Protein backbone atom coordinates (compact mmCIF):
# COMPACT_ATOMS: atom_id res chain seq x y z
CA MET A 1 -8.44 -10.76 -3.88
CA GLN A 2 -7.14 -9.57 -0.47
CA PHE A 3 -4.51 -6.58 -0.63
CA GLU A 4 -2.35 -5.66 2.28
CA ARG A 5 0.32 -3.09 3.06
CA LYS A 6 3.69 -4.47 4.72
CA SER A 7 6.81 -2.90 5.64
CA PHE A 8 10.23 -4.53 4.77
CA GLN A 9 13.80 -4.35 5.81
CA ALA A 10 16.52 -4.31 3.05
CA GLN A 11 16.91 -7.86 1.88
CA PRO A 12 19.80 -9.33 -0.06
CA TYR A 13 19.51 -11.90 -3.00
CA LEU A 14 21.28 -13.85 -5.47
CA TYR A 15 20.15 -13.78 -8.99
CA VAL A 16 20.52 -14.32 -12.84
CA ALA A 17 19.22 -11.72 -14.96
CA LYS A 18 17.40 -12.51 -17.95
CA GLU A 19 15.04 -11.01 -20.92
CA CYS A 20 12.87 -12.53 -23.27
CA SER A 21 9.61 -11.79 -25.01
CA TYR A 22 6.13 -12.08 -23.61
CA GLU A 23 5.44 -14.93 -26.40
CA GLY A 24 4.47 -18.66 -25.60
CA ASP A 25 6.86 -20.36 -23.27
CA ALA A 26 9.68 -17.49 -23.52
CA ILE A 27 9.18 -16.46 -19.97
CA ALA A 28 8.86 -20.09 -18.33
CA ASP A 29 11.96 -20.95 -20.34
CA ALA A 30 13.98 -18.00 -19.51
CA MET A 31 12.80 -18.00 -15.66
CA GLY A 32 13.65 -21.71 -15.52
CA ALA A 33 17.15 -21.24 -16.97
CA ALA A 34 17.73 -18.37 -14.38
CA PHE A 35 16.65 -20.73 -11.39
CA GLY A 36 18.74 -23.56 -12.60
CA GLU A 37 21.71 -21.29 -12.77
CA VAL A 38 21.00 -19.75 -9.41
CA PHE A 39 20.35 -22.75 -7.51
CA GLY A 40 22.94 -24.83 -9.02
CA PHE A 41 25.48 -22.15 -7.91
CA ILE A 42 24.16 -22.16 -4.25
CA ALA A 43 24.37 -25.88 -4.32
CA GLN A 44 27.83 -25.81 -5.25
CA SER A 45 28.65 -23.01 -3.03
CA GLY A 46 27.18 -24.28 0.44
CA ILE A 47 24.79 -21.42 0.44
CA THR A 48 21.44 -21.63 2.43
CA PRO A 49 18.66 -19.93 0.84
CA LEU A 50 16.32 -17.83 2.98
CA SER A 51 13.23 -17.91 0.81
CA MET A 52 11.24 -19.81 -2.06
CA PRO A 53 12.46 -18.61 -5.42
CA ILE A 54 11.85 -15.05 -6.30
CA THR A 55 11.61 -12.92 -9.31
CA VAL A 56 12.36 -9.11 -9.16
CA TYR A 57 11.31 -6.50 -11.76
CA HIS A 58 12.77 -3.09 -11.73
CA GLY A 59 11.02 -1.95 -14.60
CA MET A 60 8.07 -2.83 -16.89
CA ASP A 61 8.64 -2.62 -20.77
CA PRO A 62 5.63 -3.63 -22.69
CA LYS A 63 7.74 -5.27 -25.57
CA THR A 64 10.61 -7.03 -23.59
CA LEU A 65 10.25 -8.63 -20.13
CA ARG A 66 13.68 -8.06 -18.03
CA PHE A 67 13.99 -9.70 -14.60
CA GLN A 68 16.15 -10.96 -12.06
CA SER A 69 15.22 -14.48 -10.80
CA GLY A 70 16.92 -15.95 -7.74
CA VAL A 71 16.27 -16.12 -3.85
CA PHE A 72 16.99 -14.49 -0.68
CA VAL A 73 20.06 -15.12 1.05
CA SER A 74 22.17 -13.60 3.94
CA GLU A 75 24.43 -10.71 3.52
CA LYS A 76 27.33 -13.06 3.88
CA ASP A 77 26.24 -15.14 1.25
CA ALA A 78 25.38 -12.58 -1.07
CA ALA A 79 29.00 -11.58 -1.08
CA LYS A 80 29.84 -14.91 -2.62
CA ALA A 81 28.14 -13.97 -5.91
CA LYS A 82 30.09 -15.12 -8.95
CA ASP A 83 29.05 -14.41 -12.57
CA PRO A 84 26.78 -15.04 -14.05
CA VAL A 85 25.09 -15.24 -10.69
CA LYS A 86 24.90 -11.64 -9.06
CA ALA A 87 24.07 -10.11 -5.79
CA GLY A 88 21.16 -7.73 -5.53
CA GLN A 89 19.37 -5.98 -2.54
CA LEU A 90 15.80 -5.16 -2.24
CA PRO A 91 15.49 -1.91 -0.48
CA ALA A 92 13.78 -1.23 2.69
CA CYS A 93 10.50 -0.12 1.78
CA ASP A 94 6.69 -0.34 2.26
CA ALA A 95 4.85 -2.46 -0.29
CA MET A 96 1.47 -3.64 -1.11
CA THR A 97 0.91 -7.33 -1.41
CA THR A 98 -1.54 -9.94 -2.58
CA THR A 99 -1.49 -13.61 -3.32
CA HIS A 100 -2.15 -15.06 -6.71
CA GLN A 101 -3.60 -18.42 -6.85
CA GLY A 102 -3.55 -20.25 -10.21
CA PRO A 103 -1.16 -20.76 -12.91
CA TYR A 104 1.72 -18.55 -13.60
CA THR A 105 0.26 -17.80 -17.05
CA ASN A 106 -2.48 -15.65 -15.33
CA LEU A 107 -0.20 -13.72 -13.03
CA ASN A 108 -0.64 -10.73 -15.10
CA GLN A 109 -4.28 -10.54 -14.02
CA SER A 110 -3.30 -10.28 -10.32
CA HIS A 111 -0.74 -7.91 -11.02
CA GLY A 112 -3.17 -5.88 -12.92
CA ALA A 113 -5.69 -6.11 -9.87
CA LEU A 114 -3.05 -4.93 -7.39
CA TRP A 115 -1.92 -1.99 -9.55
CA LYS A 116 -5.78 -1.07 -9.83
CA HIS A 117 -6.40 -1.30 -6.09
CA MET A 118 -3.54 1.03 -5.45
CA GLU A 119 -4.50 3.62 -7.92
CA GLU A 120 -8.11 3.56 -6.64
CA ALA A 121 -6.90 3.72 -3.07
CA GLY A 122 -4.60 6.75 -3.87
CA ILE A 123 -1.27 4.62 -3.21
CA GLU A 124 1.58 5.61 -5.54
CA GLY A 125 3.22 2.58 -6.89
CA ALA A 126 7.20 2.50 -7.43
CA MET A 127 9.59 -0.03 -8.35
CA PRO A 128 10.54 -2.91 -7.52
CA VAL A 129 7.96 -5.44 -8.16
CA TRP A 130 8.69 -8.89 -6.92
CA GLU A 131 7.20 -12.37 -6.81
CA ILE A 132 7.66 -15.36 -4.28
CA TYR A 133 6.77 -18.63 -5.71
CA VAL A 134 5.33 -20.43 -2.53
CA ASP A 135 4.61 -23.65 -4.22
CA ASP A 136 6.77 -26.00 -6.24
CA PRO A 137 5.25 -26.48 -9.60
CA GLU A 138 6.63 -29.95 -9.76
CA HIS A 139 4.53 -30.93 -6.75
CA THR A 140 1.26 -28.66 -6.95
CA ALA A 141 -1.42 -28.44 -9.42
CA PRO A 142 -1.45 -25.49 -11.81
CA ASP A 143 -4.52 -24.21 -10.30
CA GLN A 144 -3.23 -24.59 -6.75
CA LEU A 145 -0.08 -22.58 -7.26
CA ARG A 146 0.38 -19.72 -4.73
CA THR A 147 2.66 -16.62 -5.81
CA GLU A 148 2.92 -13.57 -3.66
CA ILE A 149 3.00 -10.57 -5.48
CA TYR A 150 4.80 -7.07 -4.03
CA ARG A 151 4.91 -3.73 -5.29
CA ALA A 152 6.83 -0.89 -3.61
CA ILE A 153 5.04 2.20 -2.40
CA ALA A 154 6.55 5.44 -3.69
């Protein structure tokens, strides 16, 4: 697994916030519902997404997963947010990144490897953590799915 440090400008995004347990299909179901709401909204609003689907985490609770699933958009389009779709912004920051290849159910292993690499390199991690889902799971085999993982640097 390769790790890289990157610098980012602030990036607005539209999202729907969800929370769920870590059990069974709860994560897939909650994220699927959030993406359905976001992409339905952007289609109705004439908004052009600037990325593949993303999920942003502002904290890591070991009992309840809380996240914001959506897509990067322009500032102009972020201003069109209407409940339950909200606008957020990733801050300008440096982040460490790696790419996970494989099923979404194994993403925690790649997150763990990234966090361990940062710790061993003396790089202090911060929030947010975010994922960009590079491949469409409807057209890509689970073992070929790529997900970019990012963790902000303190």
